[in-house]
Amino acid sequence: MKMILFTFLVILQFAEAATEAPRAVCSTPEIEVEEGDAVILPCHLDPSISLSAFTVDWKRVDVNKVVYSYRRGQKNPHDQMETYRHRTSINHEDLRRGNMTLLISSVQLSDSGRYKCFVPKLVSSCIVNLTVVPKDQHYRTKTDGFTTAKCPHEEPDNPGGKTINIVLGVVVPAVVVCLVGVLVWIRRTKIYLSEKTNIKSSRLLNCVVEEVRASLAEPLTVIVENRTLSDHWADEYSFPSAVVSPNATGAPCQSGPPEA
């Protein structure tokens, strides 16, 4: 009889252990964070079950008001404190794994207090104490049960930002290369035109100098009147006694600049 009773008690204990209800666990009960940062308040069920069909509440114990509420598969903002609107969230996918971690963004000094993670249907809860320090005060992380928890930084999916990066990385360098090419071409064109102008000016100057030298070097020729004409012509017409003219020996320079 005693043996049967002992066996029954052992089986009963195993059955109770197997049917033990999940309980809420806050793995980091003390958290300190700097003003303006984001913070996560961890809470999960042990053992884990899906909470998609359950009611999940986060409350401020010190003021007994709702910080975040999950009802019937969606967020329930009706009872939420105004100061926490648009600053708190729970990942609904994580609820399928029994994770009720709460995210609070842009924490304020007034957010300091005790927060309770509660599942009414399971009658299970745990508490996290949050302390917010001023921004200019460097907070410390303690290893004896007092630690700091921040949510990991995630870059938002911003297609516009990717487009801007592509423009800056591809289009801008191409435009710069084109501008450099245009500037080099303009500079070479100016040098070429300058050389052409200098050559034409030099040729024209040399031609003028040669004409002046020829004019100064040639003697003036005096053409004396030919008196072999008849007396009739000599008496009737009076010829000038002398005509002065330069004796040009070369073709004059062109009036315009020589062709290249």
C-alpha atoms as a PDB file:
ATOM      1  CA  MET A   1       0.000   0.000   0.000  1.00  0.00           C
ATOM      2  CA  LYS A   2       2.792   2.436   0.887  1.00  0.00           C
ATOM      3  CA  MET A   3       4.576   1.595  -2.341  1.00  0.00           C
ATOM      4  CA  ILE A   4       1.494   2.399  -4.383  1.00  0.00           C
ATOM      5  CA  LEU A   5       1.012   5.701  -2.562  1.00  0.00           C
ATOM      6  CA  PHE A   6       4.647   6.713  -3.143  1.00  0.00           C
ATOM      7  CA  THR A   7       4.396   5.938  -6.836  1.00  0.00           C
ATOM      8  CA  PHE A   8       1.207   7.988  -7.105  1.00  0.00           C
ATOM      9  CA  LEU A   9       2.885  11.019  -5.464  1.00  0.00           C
ATOM     10  CA  VAL A  10       5.860  10.845  -7.841  1.00  0.00           C
ATOM     11  CA  ILE A  11       3.565  10.682 -10.857  1.00  0.00           C
ATOM     12  CA  LEU A  12       1.567  13.626  -9.509  1.00  0.00           C
ATOM     13  CA  GLN A  13       4.697  15.767  -9.117  1.00  0.00           C
ATOM     14  CA  PHE A  14       5.789  15.014 -12.672  1.00  0.00           C
ATOM     15  CA  ALA A  15       2.321  15.884 -13.945  1.00  0.00           C
ATOM     16  CA  GLU A  16       2.360  19.217 -12.123  1.00  0.00           C
ATOM     17  CA  ALA A  17       5.795  20.016 -13.510  1.00  0.00           C
ATOM     18  CA  ALA A  18       4.662  19.142 -17.009  1.00  0.00           C
ATOM     19  CA  THR A  19       1.563  21.319 -16.757  1.00  0.00           C
ATOM     20  CA  GLU A  20       3.288  24.285 -15.051  1.00  0.00           C
ATOM     21  CA  ALA A  21       1.975  27.562 -16.399  1.00  0.00           C
ATOM     22  CA  PRO A  22       4.467  29.880 -18.130  1.00  0.00           C
ATOM     23  CA  ARG A  23       5.667  32.775 -16.030  1.00  0.00           C
ATOM     24  CA  ALA A  24       6.842  36.248 -17.010  1.00  0.00           C
ATOM     25  CA  VAL A  25      10.570  36.889 -16.535  1.00  0.00           C
ATOM     26  CA  CYS A  26      12.285  40.299 -16.632  1.00  0.00           C
ATOM     27  CA  SER A  27      15.906  39.374 -17.264  1.00  0.00           C
ATOM     28  CA  THR A  28      17.179  42.900 -16.476  1.00  0.00           C
ATOM     29  CA  PRO A  29      15.242  44.249 -13.488  1.00  0.00           C
ATOM     30  CA  GLU A  30      17.357  47.430 -13.113  1.00  0.00           C
ATOM     31  CA  ILE A  31      18.104  49.686 -16.099  1.00  0.00           C
ATOM     32  CA  GLU A  32      19.726  53.113 -16.252  1.00  0.00           C
ATOM     33  CA  VAL A  33      19.659  55.170 -19.438  1.00  0.00           C
ATOM     34  CA  GLU A  34      20.622  58.660 -20.556  1.00  0.00           C
ATOM     35  CA  GLU A  35      17.970  61.231 -21.421  1.00  0.00           C
ATOM     36  CA  GLY A  36      17.108  61.282 -25.136  1.00  0.00           C
ATOM     37  CA  ASP A  37      18.256  57.709 -25.824  1.00  0.00           C
ATOM     38  CA  ALA A  38      16.094  54.709 -26.661  1.00  0.00           C
ATOM     39  CA  VAL A  39      15.784  51.814 -24.225  1.00  0.00           C
ATOM     40  CA  ILE A  40      14.377  48.288 -24.207  1.00  0.00           C
ATOM     41  CA  LEU A  41      12.643  46.757 -21.194  1.00  0.00           C
ATOM     42  CA  PRO A  42      13.100  42.971 -21.568  1.00  0.00           C
ATOM     43  CA  CYS A  43      10.305  40.548 -20.671  1.00  0.00           C
ATOM     44  CA  HIS A  44       9.583  37.000 -21.860  1.00  0.00           C
ATOM     45  CA  LEU A  45       7.676  33.863 -20.867  1.00  0.00           C
ATOM     46  CA  ASP A  46       9.353  30.797 -19.411  1.00  0.00           C
ATOM     47  CA  PRO A  47       8.543  28.325 -20.827  1.00  0.00           C
ATOM     48  CA  SER A  48       7.783  30.109 -24.073  1.00  0.00           C
ATOM     49  CA  ILE A  49       4.355  30.030 -25.673  1.00  0.00           C
ATOM     50  CA  SER A  50       2.690  32.152 -28.359  1.00  0.00           C
ATOM     51  CA  LEU A  51       1.032  35.296 -27.026  1.00  0.00           C
ATOM     52  CA  SER A  52      -0.629  36.367 -30.295  1.00  0.00           C
ATOM     53  CA  ALA A  53      -4.092  35.624 -28.909  1.00  0.00           C
ATOM     54  CA  PHE A  54      -3.344  36.906 -25.382  1.00  0.00           C
ATOM     55  CA  THR A  55      -3.621  40.293 -23.743  1.00  0.00           C
ATOM     56  CA  VAL A  56      -0.274  41.877 -22.861  1.00  0.00           C
ATOM     57  CA  ASP A  57       0.068  45.026 -20.755  1.00  0.00           C
ATOM     58  CA  TRP A  58       2.952  47.233 -19.695  1.00  0.00           C
ATOM     59  CA  LYS A  59       2.056  49.569 -16.826  1.00  0.00           C
ATOM     60  CA  ARG A  60       3.725  52.201 -14.698  1.00  0.00           C
ATOM     61  CA  VAL A  61       3.411  50.784 -11.179  1.00  0.00           C
ATOM     62  CA  ASP A  62       4.072  54.115  -9.465  1.00  0.00           C
ATOM     63  CA  VAL A  63       1.180  55.868 -11.261  1.00  0.00           C
ATOM     64  CA  ASN A  64      -0.893  52.734 -12.068  1.00  0.00           C
ATOM     65  CA  LYS A  65      -1.414  53.696 -15.727  1.00  0.00           C
ATOM     66  CA  VAL A  66      -0.985  51.845 -19.010  1.00  0.00           C
ATOM     67  CA  VAL A  67       2.211  52.469 -20.975  1.00  0.00           C
ATOM     68  CA  TYR A  68       1.472  49.974 -23.761  1.00  0.00           C
ATOM     69  CA  SER A  69      -1.391  47.531 -24.315  1.00  0.00           C
ATOM     70  CA  TYR A  70      -1.825  44.660 -26.790  1.00  0.00           C
ATOM     71  CA  ARG A  71      -5.399  43.398 -27.365  1.00  0.00           C
ATOM     72  CA  ARG A  72      -6.884  40.985 -29.896  1.00  0.00           C
ATOM     73  CA  GLY A  73      -3.837  40.862 -32.157  1.00  0.00           C
ATOM     74  CA  GLN A  74      -3.153  44.606 -32.301  1.00  0.00           C
ATOM     75  CA  LYS A  75      -2.071  47.629 -30.319  1.00  0.00           C
ATOM     76  CA  ASN A  76      -4.725  49.109 -28.036  1.00  0.00           C
ATOM     77  CA  PRO A  77      -4.097  52.878 -27.650  1.00  0.00           C
ATOM     78  CA  HIS A  78      -7.329  53.726 -25.778  1.00  0.00           C
ATOM     79  CA  ASP A  79      -6.004  53.403 -22.223  1.00  0.00           C
ATOM     80  CA  GLN A  80      -2.429  54.424 -23.026  1.00  0.00           C
ATOM     81  CA  MET A  81      -0.836  57.385 -21.254  1.00  0.00           C
ATOM     82  CA  GLU A  82      -0.607  60.390 -23.595  1.00  0.00           C
ATOM     83  CA  THR A  83       3.089  60.922 -22.887  1.00  0.00           C
ATOM     84  CA  TYR A  84       3.913  57.445 -24.263  1.00  0.00           C
ATOM     85  CA  ARG A  85       1.974  57.698 -27.502  1.00  0.00           C
ATOM     86  CA  HIS A  86       4.162  57.184 -30.597  1.00  0.00           C
ATOM     87  CA  ARG A  87       7.161  56.406 -28.332  1.00  0.00           C
ATOM     88  CA  THR A  88       6.460  52.790 -27.309  1.00  0.00           C
ATOM     89  CA  SER A  89       6.211  49.572 -29.300  1.00  0.00           C
ATOM     90  CA  ILE A  90       6.302  45.771 -29.057  1.00  0.00           C
ATOM     91  CA  ASN A  91       7.370  43.518 -31.918  1.00  0.00           C
ATOM     92  CA  HIS A  92       4.227  41.538 -32.713  1.00  0.00           C
ATOM     93  CA  GLU A  93       6.247  38.782 -34.379  1.00  0.00           C
ATOM     94  CA  ASP A  94       8.200  38.311 -31.152  1.00  0.00           C
ATOM     95  CA  LEU A  95       4.926  37.725 -29.308  1.00  0.00           C
ATOM     96  CA  ARG A  96       4.629  34.403 -31.157  1.00  0.00           C
ATOM     97  CA  ARG A  97       7.762  33.323 -29.290  1.00  0.00           C
ATOM     98  CA  GLY A  98       6.593  34.617 -25.930  1.00  0.00           C
ATOM     99  CA  ASN A  99       8.776  37.765 -26.081  1.00  0.00           C
ATOM    100  CA  MET A 100       7.069  40.905 -24.715  1.00  0.00           C
ATOM    101  CA  THR A 101      10.080  43.260 -24.741  1.00  0.00           C
ATOM    102  CA  LEU A 102       9.007  46.927 -24.735  1.00  0.00           C
ATOM    103  CA  LEU A 103      10.833  49.640 -26.700  1.00  0.00           C
ATOM    104  CA  ILE A 104      10.705  53.247 -25.459  1.00  0.00           C
ATOM    105  CA  SER A 105      12.262  55.880 -27.734  1.00  0.00           C
ATOM    106  CA  SER A 106      13.489  59.369 -26.788  1.00  0.00           C
ATOM    107  CA  VAL A 107      13.283  58.701 -23.057  1.00  0.00           C
ATOM    108  CA  GLN A 108      12.568  61.637 -20.764  1.00  0.00           C
ATOM    109  CA  LEU A 109      13.478  62.282 -17.157  1.00  0.00           C
ATOM    110  CA  SER A 110       9.799  61.787 -16.294  1.00  0.00           C
ATOM    111  CA  ASP A 111       9.986  58.208 -17.666  1.00  0.00           C
ATOM    112  CA  SER A 112      11.894  57.109 -14.574  1.00  0.00           C
ATOM    113  CA  GLY A 113       9.846  54.608 -12.573  1.00  0.00           C
ATOM    114  CA  ARG A 114       8.791  50.982 -12.156  1.00  0.00           C
ATOM    115  CA  TYR A 115       7.319  49.192 -15.172  1.00  0.00           C
ATOM    116  CA  LYS A 116       5.275  45.968 -14.894  1.00  0.00           C
ATOM    117  CA  CYS A 117       5.046  43.426 -17.696  1.00  0.00           C
ATOM    118  CA  PHE A 118       1.737  41.580 -17.209  1.00  0.00           C
ATOM    119  CA  VAL A 119      -0.203  38.777 -18.925  1.00  0.00           C
ATOM    120  CA  PRO A 120      -3.680  38.746 -17.287  1.00  0.00           C
ATOM    121  CA  LYS A 121      -4.758  35.329 -18.581  1.00  0.00           C
ATOM    122  CA  LEU A 122      -1.658  33.678 -17.122  1.00  0.00           C
ATOM    123  CA  VAL A 123      -1.779  35.804 -13.959  1.00  0.00           C
ATOM    124  CA  SER A 124       1.963  36.318 -14.354  1.00  0.00           C
ATOM    125  CA  SER A 125       4.037  39.506 -14.220  1.00  0.00           C
ATOM    126  CA  CYS A 126       7.498  40.928 -13.543  1.00  0.00           C
ATOM    127  CA  ILE A 127       8.849  44.419 -12.840  1.00  0.00           C
ATOM    128  CA  VAL A 128      11.641  46.519 -14.384  1.00  0.00           C
ATOM    129  CA  ASN A 129      12.937  49.624 -12.630  1.00  0.00           C
ATOM    130  CA  LEU A 130      13.991  52.337 -15.118  1.00  0.00           C
ATOM    131  CA  THR A 131      16.198  55.296 -14.149  1.00  0.00           C
ATOM    132  CA  VAL A 132      16.707  58.166 -16.604  1.00  0.00           C
ATOM    133  CA  VAL A 133      19.686  60.450 -15.950  1.00  0.00           C
ATOM    134  CA  PRO A 134      20.330  63.924 -17.462  1.00  0.00           C
ATOM    135  CA  LYS A 135      22.035  63.971 -20.848  1.00  0.00           C
ATOM    136  CA  ASP A 136      25.227  65.630 -19.564  1.00  0.00           C
ATOM    137  CA  GLN A 137      25.640  63.035 -16.825  1.00  0.00           C
ATOM    138  CA  HIS A 138      27.559  59.929 -17.850  1.00  0.00           C
ATOM    139  CA  TYR A 139      25.780  56.920 -16.503  1.00  0.00           C
ATOM    140  CA  ARG A 140      27.562  53.774 -15.400  1.00  0.00           C
ATOM    141  CA  THR A 141      26.893  50.117 -15.982  1.00  0.00           C
ATOM    142  CA  LYS A 142      27.122  47.932 -12.914  1.00  0.00           C
ATOM    143  CA  THR A 143      27.864  44.246 -13.039  1.00  0.00           C
ATOM    144  CA  ASP A 144      26.136  43.253  -9.785  1.00  0.00           C
ATOM    145  CA  GLY A 145      22.616  43.012 -11.176  1.00  0.00           C
ATOM    146  CA  PHE A 146      22.406  46.632 -12.378  1.00  0.00           C
ATOM    147  CA  THR A 147      22.997  47.006 -16.081  1.00  0.00           C
ATOM    148  CA  THR A 148      22.175  49.279 -18.993  1.00  0.00           C
ATOM    149  CA  ALA A 149      20.139  48.126 -21.933  1.00  0.00           C
ATOM    150  CA  LYS A 150      19.748  50.032 -25.183  1.00  0.00           C
ATOM    151  CA  CYS A 151      17.973  49.022 -28.325  1.00  0.00           C
ATOM    152  CA  PRO A 152      20.331  48.283 -31.219  1.00  0.00           C
ATOM    153  CA  HIS A 153      20.664  51.012 -33.785  1.00  0.00           C
ATOM    154  CA  GLU A 154      19.043  50.135 -37.079  1.00  0.00           C
ATOM    155  CA  GLU A 155      19.362  52.093 -40.260  1.00  0.00           C
ATOM    156  CA  PRO A 156      15.923  52.865 -41.728  1.00  0.00           C
ATOM    157  CA  ASP A 157      15.070  51.531 -45.150  1.00  0.00           C
ATOM    158  CA  ASN A 158      15.301  54.708 -47.155  1.00  0.00           C
ATOM    159  CA  PRO A 159      15.141  54.276 -50.954  1.00  0.00           C
ATOM    160  CA  GLY A 160      15.541  58.027 -51.423  1.00  0.00           C
ATOM    161  CA  GLY A 161      18.814  57.940 -49.523  1.00  0.00           C
ATOM    162  CA  LYS A 162      20.074  55.085 -51.732  1.00  0.00           C
ATOM    163  CA  THR A 163      19.201  57.107 -54.848  1.00  0.00           C
ATOM    164  CA  ILE A 164      21.101  60.104 -53.502  1.00  0.00           C
ATOM    165  CA  ASN A 165      24.120  57.898 -52.782  1.00  0.00           C
ATOM    166  CA  ILE A 166      24.038  56.552 -56.342  1.00  0.00           C
ATOM    167  CA  VAL A 167      23.861  60.094 -57.758  1.00  0.00           C
ATOM    168  CA  LEU A 168      26.737  61.265 -55.570  1.00  0.00           C
ATOM    169  CA  GLY A 169      28.833  58.199 -56.343  1.00  0.00           C
ATOM    170  CA  VAL A 170      28.327  57.976 -60.116  1.00  0.00           C
ATOM    171  CA  VAL A 171      26.795  61.085 -61.672  1.00  0.00           C
ATOM    172  CA  VAL A 172      28.847  63.707 -59.822  1.00  0.00           C
ATOM    173  CA  PRO A 173      32.265  62.167 -60.711  1.00  0.00           C
ATOM    174  CA  ALA A 174      31.152  61.867 -64.365  1.00  0.00           C
ATOM    175  CA  VAL A 175      30.159  65.550 -64.441  1.00  0.00           C
ATOM    176  CA  VAL A 176      33.491  66.537 -62.867  1.00  0.00           C
ATOM    177  CA  VAL A 177      35.429  64.544 -65.505  1.00  0.00           C
ATOM    178  CA  CYS A 178      33.457  66.225 -68.304  1.00  0.00           C
ATOM    179  CA  LEU A 179      34.111  69.696 -66.881  1.00  0.00           C
ATOM    180  CA  VAL A 180      37.840  68.964 -66.615  1.00  0.00           C
ATOM    181  CA  GLY A 181      37.880  67.779 -70.237  1.00  0.00           C
ATOM    182  CA  VAL A 182      36.116  70.954 -71.422  1.00  0.00           C
ATOM    183  CA  LEU A 183      38.541  73.170 -69.500  1.00  0.00           C
ATOM    184  CA  VAL A 184      41.557  71.356 -70.996  1.00  0.00           C
ATOM    185  CA  TRP A 185      40.106  71.711 -74.516  1.00  0.00           C
ATOM    186  CA  ILE A 186      39.472  75.458 -74.003  1.00  0.00           C
ATOM    187  CA  ARG A 187      43.012  75.975 -72.719  1.00  0.00           C
ATOM    188  CA  ARG A 188      44.568  74.151 -75.678  1.00  0.00           C
ATOM    189  CA  THR A 189      42.390  76.128 -78.120  1.00  0.00           C
ATOM    190  CA  LYS A 190      43.507  79.421 -76.563  1.00  0.00           C
ATOM    191  CA  ILE A 191      47.174  78.382 -76.831  1.00  0.00           C
ATOM    192  CA  TYR A 192      46.719  77.385 -80.510  1.00  0.00           C
ATOM    193  CA  LEU A 193      44.973  80.658 -81.431  1.00  0.00           C
ATOM    194  CA  SER A 194      47.607  82.659 -79.563  1.00  0.00           C
ATOM    195  CA  GLU A 195      50.400  80.928 -81.492  1.00  0.00           C
ATOM    196  CA  LYS A 196      48.638  81.563 -84.835  1.00  0.00           C
ATOM    197  CA  THR A 197      48.163  85.242 -83.988  1.00  0.00           C
ATOM    198  CA  ASN A 198      51.810  85.615 -82.957  1.00  0.00           C
ATOM    199  CA  ILE A 199      53.003  84.041 -86.233  1.00  0.00           C
ATOM    200  CA  LYS A 200      50.843  86.383 -88.371  1.00  0.00           C
ATOM    201  CA  SER A 201      51.894  89.451 -86.377  1.00  0.00           C
ATOM    202  CA  SER A 202      55.553  88.478 -86.700  1.00  0.00           C
ATOM    203  CA  ARG A 203      55.304  88.052 -90.469  1.00  0.00           C
ATOM    204  CA  LEU A 204      53.535  91.420 -90.893  1.00  0.00           C
ATOM    205  CA  LEU A 205      56.124  93.179 -88.742  1.00  0.00           C
ATOM    206  CA  ASN A 206      59.008  91.675 -90.726  1.00  0.00           C
ATOM    207  CA  CYS A 207      57.398  92.774 -93.989  1.00  0.00           C
ATOM    208  CA  VAL A 208      56.982  96.378 -92.780  1.00  0.00           C
ATOM    209  CA  VAL A 209      60.580  96.491 -91.585  1.00  0.00           C
ATOM    210  CA  GLU A 210      61.825  95.277 -94.988  1.00  0.00           C
ATOM    211  CA  GLU A 211      59.804  97.963 -96.809  1.00  0.00           C
ATOM    212  CA  VAL A 212      61.205 100.697 -94.571  1.00  0.00           C
ATOM    213  CA  ARG A 213      64.750  99.447 -95.119  1.00  0.00           C
ATOM    214  CA  ALA A 214      64.256  99.381 -98.912  1.00  0.00           C
ATOM    215  CA  SER A 215      62.851 102.904 -98.941  1.00  0.00           C
ATOM    216  CA  LEU A 216      65.763 104.309 -96.925  1.00  0.00           C
ATOM    217  CA  ALA A 217      68.510 102.449 -98.787  1.00  0.00           C
ATOM    218  CA  GLU A 218      67.571 103.272-102.404  1.00  0.00           C
ATOM    219  CA  PRO A 219      68.919 106.640-103.700  1.00  0.00           C
ATOM    220  CA  LEU A 220      66.607 109.089-105.293  1.00  0.00           C
ATOM    221  CA  THR A 221      66.947 109.070-109.085  1.00  0.00           C
ATOM    222  CA  VAL A 222      66.833 112.338-110.904  1.00  0.00           C
ATOM    223  CA  ILE A 223      65.420 112.055-114.348  1.00  0.00           C
ATOM    224  CA  VAL A 224      66.834 114.954-116.262  1.00  0.00           C
ATOM    225  CA  GLU A 225      64.722 116.442-119.041  1.00  0.00           C
ATOM    226  CA  ASN A 226      65.745 115.210-122.491  1.00  0.00           C
ATOM    227  CA  ARG A 227      66.641 118.301-124.526  1.00  0.00           C
ATOM    228  CA  THR A 228      66.951 116.487-127.877  1.00  0.00           C
ATOM    229  CA  LEU A 229      63.423 117.389-128.725  1.00  0.00           C
ATOM    230  CA  SER A 230      62.909 119.944-131.478  1.00  0.00           C
ATOM    231  CA  ASP A 231      62.934 123.597-130.635  1.00  0.00           C
ATOM    232  CA  HIS A 232      59.257 123.739-131.523  1.00  0.00           C
ATOM    233  CA  TRP A 233      58.342 121.261-128.903  1.00  0.00           C
ATOM    234  CA  ALA A 234      60.822 122.743-126.483  1.00  0.00           C
ATOM    235  CA  ASP A 235      59.392 126.236-126.860  1.00  0.00           C
ATOM    236  CA  GLU A 236      55.743 125.228-126.939  1.00  0.00           C
ATOM    237  CA  TYR A 237      55.812 122.804-123.994  1.00  0.00           C
ATOM    238  CA  SER A 238      57.523 123.348-120.763  1.00  0.00           C
ATOM    239  CA  PHE A 239      58.720 120.071-119.240  1.00  0.00           C
ATOM    240  CA  PRO A 240      59.644 119.859-115.604  1.00  0.00           C
ATOM    241  CA  SER A 241      63.293 119.975-115.059  1.00  0.00           C
ATOM    242  CA  ALA A 242      63.287 116.925-112.796  1.00  0.00           C
ATOM    243  CA  VAL A 243      60.983 114.203-111.544  1.00  0.00           C
ATOM    244  CA  VAL A 244      61.753 112.495-108.259  1.00  0.00           C
ATOM    245  CA  SER A 245      60.554 108.859-107.725  1.00  0.00           C
ATOM    246  CA  PRO A 246      61.680 105.923-105.658  1.00  0.00           C
ATOM    247  CA  ASN A 247      63.309 103.081-107.522  1.00  0.00           C
ATOM    248  CA  ALA A 248      61.312 100.144-106.058  1.00  0.00           C
ATOM    249  CA  THR A 249      62.988  96.866-106.665  1.00  0.00           C
ATOM    250  CA  GLY A 250      60.641  94.389-104.959  1.00  0.00           C
ATOM    251  CA  ALA A 251      56.994  93.587-104.674  1.00  0.00           C
ATOM    252  CA  PRO A 252      55.330  95.478-101.888  1.00  0.00           C
ATOM    253  CA  CYS A 253      54.121  93.595 -98.818  1.00  0.00           C
ATOM    254  CA  GLN A 254      50.529  92.562 -98.623  1.00  0.00           C
ATOM    255  CA  SER A 255      48.266  94.915 -96.777  1.00  0.00           C
ATOM    256  CA  GLY A 256      46.777  92.182 -94.718  1.00  0.00           C
ATOM    257  CA  PRO A 257      48.413  89.534 -92.600  1.00  0.00           C
ATOM    258  CA  PRO A 258      49.904  86.597 -94.489  1.00  0.00           C
ATOM    259  CA  GLU A 259      47.865  83.506 -94.633  1.00  0.00           C
ATOM    260  CA  ALA A 260      48.912  80.651 -92.409  1.00  0.00           C
END
